[in-house]
Amino acid sequence: MHRRLVRRMMLADAARPGVRAIAVLCMVVPAWAGTAWAQTSDLAAAQKQFVTSCAVCHAVEPGAPPRQGPNLSDRFGKPAATLEGFKYSEALTTSGFVWNEETMDRWITDSQAMRPGVTMLYRQADPMKRRLIIDYLKSLSGKS
C-alpha cells in the first residue's frame, strides 16, 4: 500500500521536483529507520546473550577490575593476554592470538581445543549465540 501511494505521487506530479523528492523520502526514511531499529535491537540481543553467557566471569565496563576472567572492554582487534592487571595462563600468554571474529568464534566454541592449557572452561556450541557475543564485544571496541 505504502509503495503504491508513493508510486502514484511520483507519476501524478513528476514535473514538480518537490513532490518527487517527498515521494523518494517516503521510501527511504522508513527503510533507514528500520535498519537503525534492527541494529539497536540486535545489539540489545547481543548484550543480553553476553550477560547470560559471559558476565559472571567477565566485566565489560571500562576500567572495571577483572573478575574470574579479564575485563573484555576494548579487546577486539587486540593481542590476547595483554590486559594489564590480569594473570593469564602461560598457554594464552604465548598463543600469539589477536582477537578477531575468527579467533573469538573458535575460542568461544572450545578454548581448550584451540589452545590446550588455557584456564577458560566455558563452551558455546550454538553458532548464533557465539555470533551475538562476538558482535557485542566488537561494539565495545567500536569495531561493529
C-alpha atoms as a PDB file:
ATOM      1  CA  MET A   1       0.000   0.000   0.000  1.00  0.00           C
ATOM      2  CA  HIS A   2       2.723   2.455   1.011  1.00  0.00           C
ATOM      3  CA  ARG A   3       4.755   1.823  -2.146  1.00  0.00           C
ATOM      4  CA  ARG A   4       1.676   2.156  -4.383  1.00  0.00           C
ATOM      5  CA  LEU A   5       0.866   5.558  -2.879  1.00  0.00           C
ATOM      6  CA  VAL A   6       4.446   6.728  -3.354  1.00  0.00           C
ATOM      7  CA  ARG A   7       4.435   5.500  -6.943  1.00  0.00           C
ATOM      8  CA  ARG A   8       1.172   7.365  -7.651  1.00  0.00           C
ATOM      9  CA  MET A   9       2.669  10.526  -6.157  1.00  0.00           C
ATOM     10  CA  MET A  10       5.719  10.208  -8.377  1.00  0.00           C
ATOM     11  CA  LEU A  11       3.735   9.532 -11.541  1.00  0.00           C
ATOM     12  CA  ALA A  12       0.983  12.087 -10.915  1.00  0.00           C
ATOM     13  CA  ASP A  13       3.278  15.022 -10.449  1.00  0.00           C
ATOM     14  CA  ALA A  14       6.648  14.074 -11.917  1.00  0.00           C
ATOM     15  CA  ALA A  15       7.027  17.572 -13.344  1.00  0.00           C
ATOM     16  CA  ARG A  16       7.206  19.120  -9.872  1.00  0.00           C
ATOM     17  CA  PRO A  17      10.577  18.182  -8.285  1.00  0.00           C
ATOM     18  CA  GLY A  18       9.367  18.887  -4.746  1.00  0.00           C
ATOM     19  CA  VAL A  19       6.639  16.253  -4.934  1.00  0.00           C
ATOM     20  CA  ARG A  20       9.079  13.735  -6.356  1.00  0.00           C
ATOM     21  CA  ALA A  21      11.588  14.456  -3.546  1.00  0.00           C
ATOM     22  CA  ILE A  22       8.913  13.931  -0.899  1.00  0.00           C
ATOM     23  CA  ALA A  23       7.917  10.650  -2.550  1.00  0.00           C
ATOM     24  CA  VAL A  24      11.524   9.449  -2.518  1.00  0.00           C
ATOM     25  CA  LEU A  25      11.899  10.416   1.149  1.00  0.00           C
ATOM     26  CA  CYS A  26       8.726   8.462   1.939  1.00  0.00           C
ATOM     27  CA  MET A  27      10.502   5.364   0.636  1.00  0.00           C
ATOM     28  CA  VAL A  28      13.989   5.997   2.039  1.00  0.00           C
ATOM     29  CA  VAL A  29      13.280   7.192   5.603  1.00  0.00           C
ATOM     30  CA  PRO A  30      11.233   4.129   6.692  1.00  0.00           C
ATOM     31  CA  ALA A  31      13.903   1.807   5.270  1.00  0.00           C
ATOM     32  CA  TRP A  32      16.681   3.689   7.086  1.00  0.00           C
ATOM     33  CA  ALA A  33      14.724   3.826  10.349  1.00  0.00           C
ATOM     34  CA  GLY A  34      14.026   0.103  10.116  1.00  0.00           C
ATOM     35  CA  THR A  35      17.730  -0.603   9.686  1.00  0.00           C
ATOM     36  CA  ALA A  36      18.649   1.570  12.678  1.00  0.00           C
ATOM     37  CA  TRP A  37      15.998  -0.145  14.800  1.00  0.00           C
ATOM     38  CA  ALA A  38      17.239  -3.578  13.729  1.00  0.00           C
ATOM     39  CA  GLN A  39      20.827  -2.676  14.652  1.00  0.00           C
ATOM     40  CA  THR A  40      19.725  -1.413  18.076  1.00  0.00           C
ATOM     41  CA  SER A  41      17.558  -4.466  18.581  1.00  0.00           C
ATOM     42  CA  ASP A  42      20.390  -6.778  17.512  1.00  0.00           C
ATOM     43  CA  LEU A  43      22.814  -5.033  19.871  1.00  0.00           C
ATOM     44  CA  ALA A  44      20.334  -5.415  22.743  1.00  0.00           C
ATOM     45  CA  ALA A  45      20.058  -9.140  21.955  1.00  0.00           C
ATOM     46  CA  ALA A  46      23.858  -9.372  21.734  1.00  0.00           C
ATOM     47  CA  GLN A  47      24.276  -7.664  25.106  1.00  0.00           C
ATOM     48  CA  LYS A  48      21.676  -9.952  26.661  1.00  0.00           C
ATOM     49  CA  GLN A  49      23.488 -13.026  25.318  1.00  0.00           C
ATOM     50  CA  PHE A  50      26.814 -11.739  26.645  1.00  0.00           C
ATOM     51  CA  VAL A  51      25.319 -11.116  30.095  1.00  0.00           C
ATOM     52  CA  THR A  52      23.745 -14.579  30.108  1.00  0.00           C
ATOM     53  CA  SER A  53      26.850 -16.413  28.903  1.00  0.00           C
ATOM     54  CA  CYS A  54      29.881 -14.380  29.954  1.00  0.00           C
ATOM     55  CA  ALA A  55      29.175 -11.666  32.539  1.00  0.00           C
ATOM     56  CA  VAL A  56      29.610 -13.958  35.539  1.00  0.00           C
ATOM     57  CA  CYS A  57      33.342 -14.160  34.746  1.00  0.00           C
ATOM     58  CA  HIS A  58      33.976 -11.017  32.649  1.00  0.00           C
ATOM     59  CA  ALA A  59      33.370  -7.314  33.243  1.00  0.00           C
ATOM     60  CA  VAL A  60      32.983  -5.005  30.257  1.00  0.00           C
ATOM     61  CA  GLU A  61      32.823  -1.574  31.863  1.00  0.00           C
ATOM     62  CA  PRO A  62      35.985   0.389  31.005  1.00  0.00           C
ATOM     63  CA  GLY A  63      38.333   0.377  33.991  1.00  0.00           C
ATOM     64  CA  ALA A  64      36.362  -2.248  35.928  1.00  0.00           C
ATOM     65  CA  PRO A  65      38.585  -4.742  37.755  1.00  0.00           C
ATOM     66  CA  PRO A  66      38.867  -8.259  36.383  1.00  0.00           C
ATOM     67  CA  ARG A  67      36.638 -10.992  37.708  1.00  0.00           C
ATOM     68  CA  GLN A  68      37.490 -14.655  37.250  1.00  0.00           C
ATOM     69  CA  GLY A  69      38.366 -13.637  33.687  1.00  0.00           C
ATOM     70  CA  PRO A  70      39.790 -10.378  32.323  1.00  0.00           C
ATOM     71  CA  ASN A  71      37.770  -7.255  31.550  1.00  0.00           C
ATOM     72  CA  LEU A  72      36.690  -7.567  27.921  1.00  0.00           C
ATOM     73  CA  SER A  73      36.045  -3.918  27.096  1.00  0.00           C
ATOM     74  CA  ASP A  74      38.038  -2.860  24.055  1.00  0.00           C
ATOM     75  CA  ARG A  75      39.652  -6.272  23.486  1.00  0.00           C
ATOM     76  CA  PHE A  76      38.514  -6.788  19.889  1.00  0.00           C
ATOM     77  CA  GLY A  77      41.430  -6.363  17.486  1.00  0.00           C
ATOM     78  CA  LYS A  78      43.989  -6.605  20.305  1.00  0.00           C
ATOM     79  CA  PRO A  79      46.532  -9.346  21.021  1.00  0.00           C
ATOM     80  CA  ALA A  80      45.403 -11.957  23.537  1.00  0.00           C
ATOM     81  CA  ALA A  81      46.682 -11.884  27.111  1.00  0.00           C
ATOM     82  CA  THR A  82      47.820  -8.258  27.035  1.00  0.00           C
ATOM     83  CA  LEU A  83      45.460  -6.566  29.502  1.00  0.00           C
ATOM     84  CA  GLU A  84      47.430  -5.125  32.416  1.00  0.00           C
ATOM     85  CA  GLY A  85      46.475  -6.416  35.856  1.00  0.00           C
ATOM     86  CA  PHE A  86      45.244  -9.881  34.937  1.00  0.00           C
ATOM     87  CA  LYS A  87      47.239 -13.082  35.381  1.00  0.00           C
ATOM     88  CA  TYR A  88      46.811 -15.119  32.212  1.00  0.00           C
ATOM     89  CA  SER A  89      47.774 -18.768  31.737  1.00  0.00           C
ATOM     90  CA  GLU A  90      51.117 -19.381  30.060  1.00  0.00           C
ATOM     91  CA  ALA A  91      49.246 -21.160  27.253  1.00  0.00           C
ATOM     92  CA  LEU A  92      47.333 -17.969  26.402  1.00  0.00           C
ATOM     93  CA  THR A  93      50.271 -15.622  27.018  1.00  0.00           C
ATOM     94  CA  THR A  94      52.335 -17.492  24.424  1.00  0.00           C
ATOM     95  CA  SER A  95      49.473 -18.023  21.947  1.00  0.00           C
ATOM     96  CA  GLY A  96      50.120 -15.070  19.639  1.00  0.00           C
ATOM     97  CA  PHE A  97      46.355 -14.689  19.053  1.00  0.00           C
ATOM     98  CA  VAL A  98      44.772 -11.430  18.009  1.00  0.00           C
ATOM     99  CA  TRP A  99      41.101 -11.219  18.954  1.00  0.00           C
ATOM    100  CA  ASN A 100      39.110 -11.041  15.735  1.00  0.00           C
ATOM    101  CA  GLU A 101      35.885 -12.718  14.619  1.00  0.00           C
ATOM    102  CA  GLU A 102      37.596 -15.977  13.683  1.00  0.00           C
ATOM    103  CA  THR A 103      39.692 -16.342  16.832  1.00  0.00           C
ATOM    104  CA  MET A 104      36.805 -15.333  19.083  1.00  0.00           C
ATOM    105  CA  ASP A 105      34.480 -17.810  17.410  1.00  0.00           C
ATOM    106  CA  ARG A 106      36.963 -20.655  17.800  1.00  0.00           C
ATOM    107  CA  TRP A 107      37.729 -19.552  21.381  1.00  0.00           C
ATOM    108  CA  ILE A 108      34.100 -19.422  22.490  1.00  0.00           C
ATOM    109  CA  THR A 109      33.393 -22.744  20.759  1.00  0.00           C
ATOM    110  CA  ASP A 110      36.103 -24.569  22.720  1.00  0.00           C
ATOM    111  CA  SER A 111      39.047 -22.666  24.152  1.00  0.00           C
ATOM    112  CA  GLN A 112      40.681 -25.861  25.407  1.00  0.00           C
ATOM    113  CA  ALA A 113      40.726 -27.375  21.915  1.00  0.00           C
ATOM    114  CA  MET A 114      42.014 -24.110  20.443  1.00  0.00           C
ATOM    115  CA  ARG A 115      44.822 -23.742  22.978  1.00  0.00           C
ATOM    116  CA  PRO A 116      45.363 -26.624  25.434  1.00  0.00           C
ATOM    117  CA  GLY A 117      46.325 -25.417  28.884  1.00  0.00           C
ATOM    118  CA  VAL A 118      44.207 -22.248  28.989  1.00  0.00           C
ATOM    119  CA  THR A 119      42.019 -21.753  32.036  1.00  0.00           C
ATOM    120  CA  MET A 120      38.698 -20.766  30.430  1.00  0.00           C
ATOM    121  CA  LEU A 121      36.279 -23.678  30.583  1.00  0.00           C
ATOM    122  CA  TYR A 122      33.145 -22.129  29.053  1.00  0.00           C
ATOM    123  CA  ARG A 123      31.991 -23.542  25.686  1.00  0.00           C
ATOM    124  CA  GLN A 124      29.203 -22.405  23.405  1.00  0.00           C
ATOM    125  CA  ALA A 125      28.100 -24.847  20.702  1.00  0.00           C
ATOM    126  CA  ASP A 126      25.355 -22.614  19.254  1.00  0.00           C
ATOM    127  CA  PRO A 127      26.797 -20.515  16.397  1.00  0.00           C
ATOM    128  CA  MET A 128      24.037 -17.874  16.707  1.00  0.00           C
ATOM    129  CA  LYS A 129      24.829 -17.309  20.387  1.00  0.00           C
ATOM    130  CA  ARG A 130      28.542 -17.072  19.588  1.00  0.00           C
ATOM    131  CA  ARG A 131      27.752 -14.542  16.826  1.00  0.00           C
ATOM    132  CA  LEU A 132      25.803 -12.394  19.299  1.00  0.00           C
ATOM    133  CA  ILE A 133      28.623 -12.472  21.855  1.00  0.00           C
ATOM    134  CA  ILE A 134      31.198 -11.529  19.207  1.00  0.00           C
ATOM    135  CA  ASP A 135      29.008  -8.712  17.892  1.00  0.00           C
ATOM    136  CA  TYR A 136      28.660  -7.326  21.403  1.00  0.00           C
ATOM    137  CA  LEU A 137      32.401  -7.460  22.053  1.00  0.00           C
ATOM    138  CA  LYS A 138      33.050  -5.760  18.724  1.00  0.00           C
ATOM    139  CA  SER A 139      30.609  -2.991  19.654  1.00  0.00           C
ATOM    140  CA  LEU A 140      32.556  -2.334  22.866  1.00  0.00           C
ATOM    141  CA  SER A 141      35.662  -1.669  20.797  1.00  0.00           C
ATOM    142  CA  GLY A 142      33.853   0.495  18.277  1.00  0.00           C
ATOM    143  CA  LYS A 143      34.561  -2.079  15.527  1.00  0.00           C
ATOM    144  CA  SER A 144      30.990  -3.121  14.680  1.00  0.00           C
END
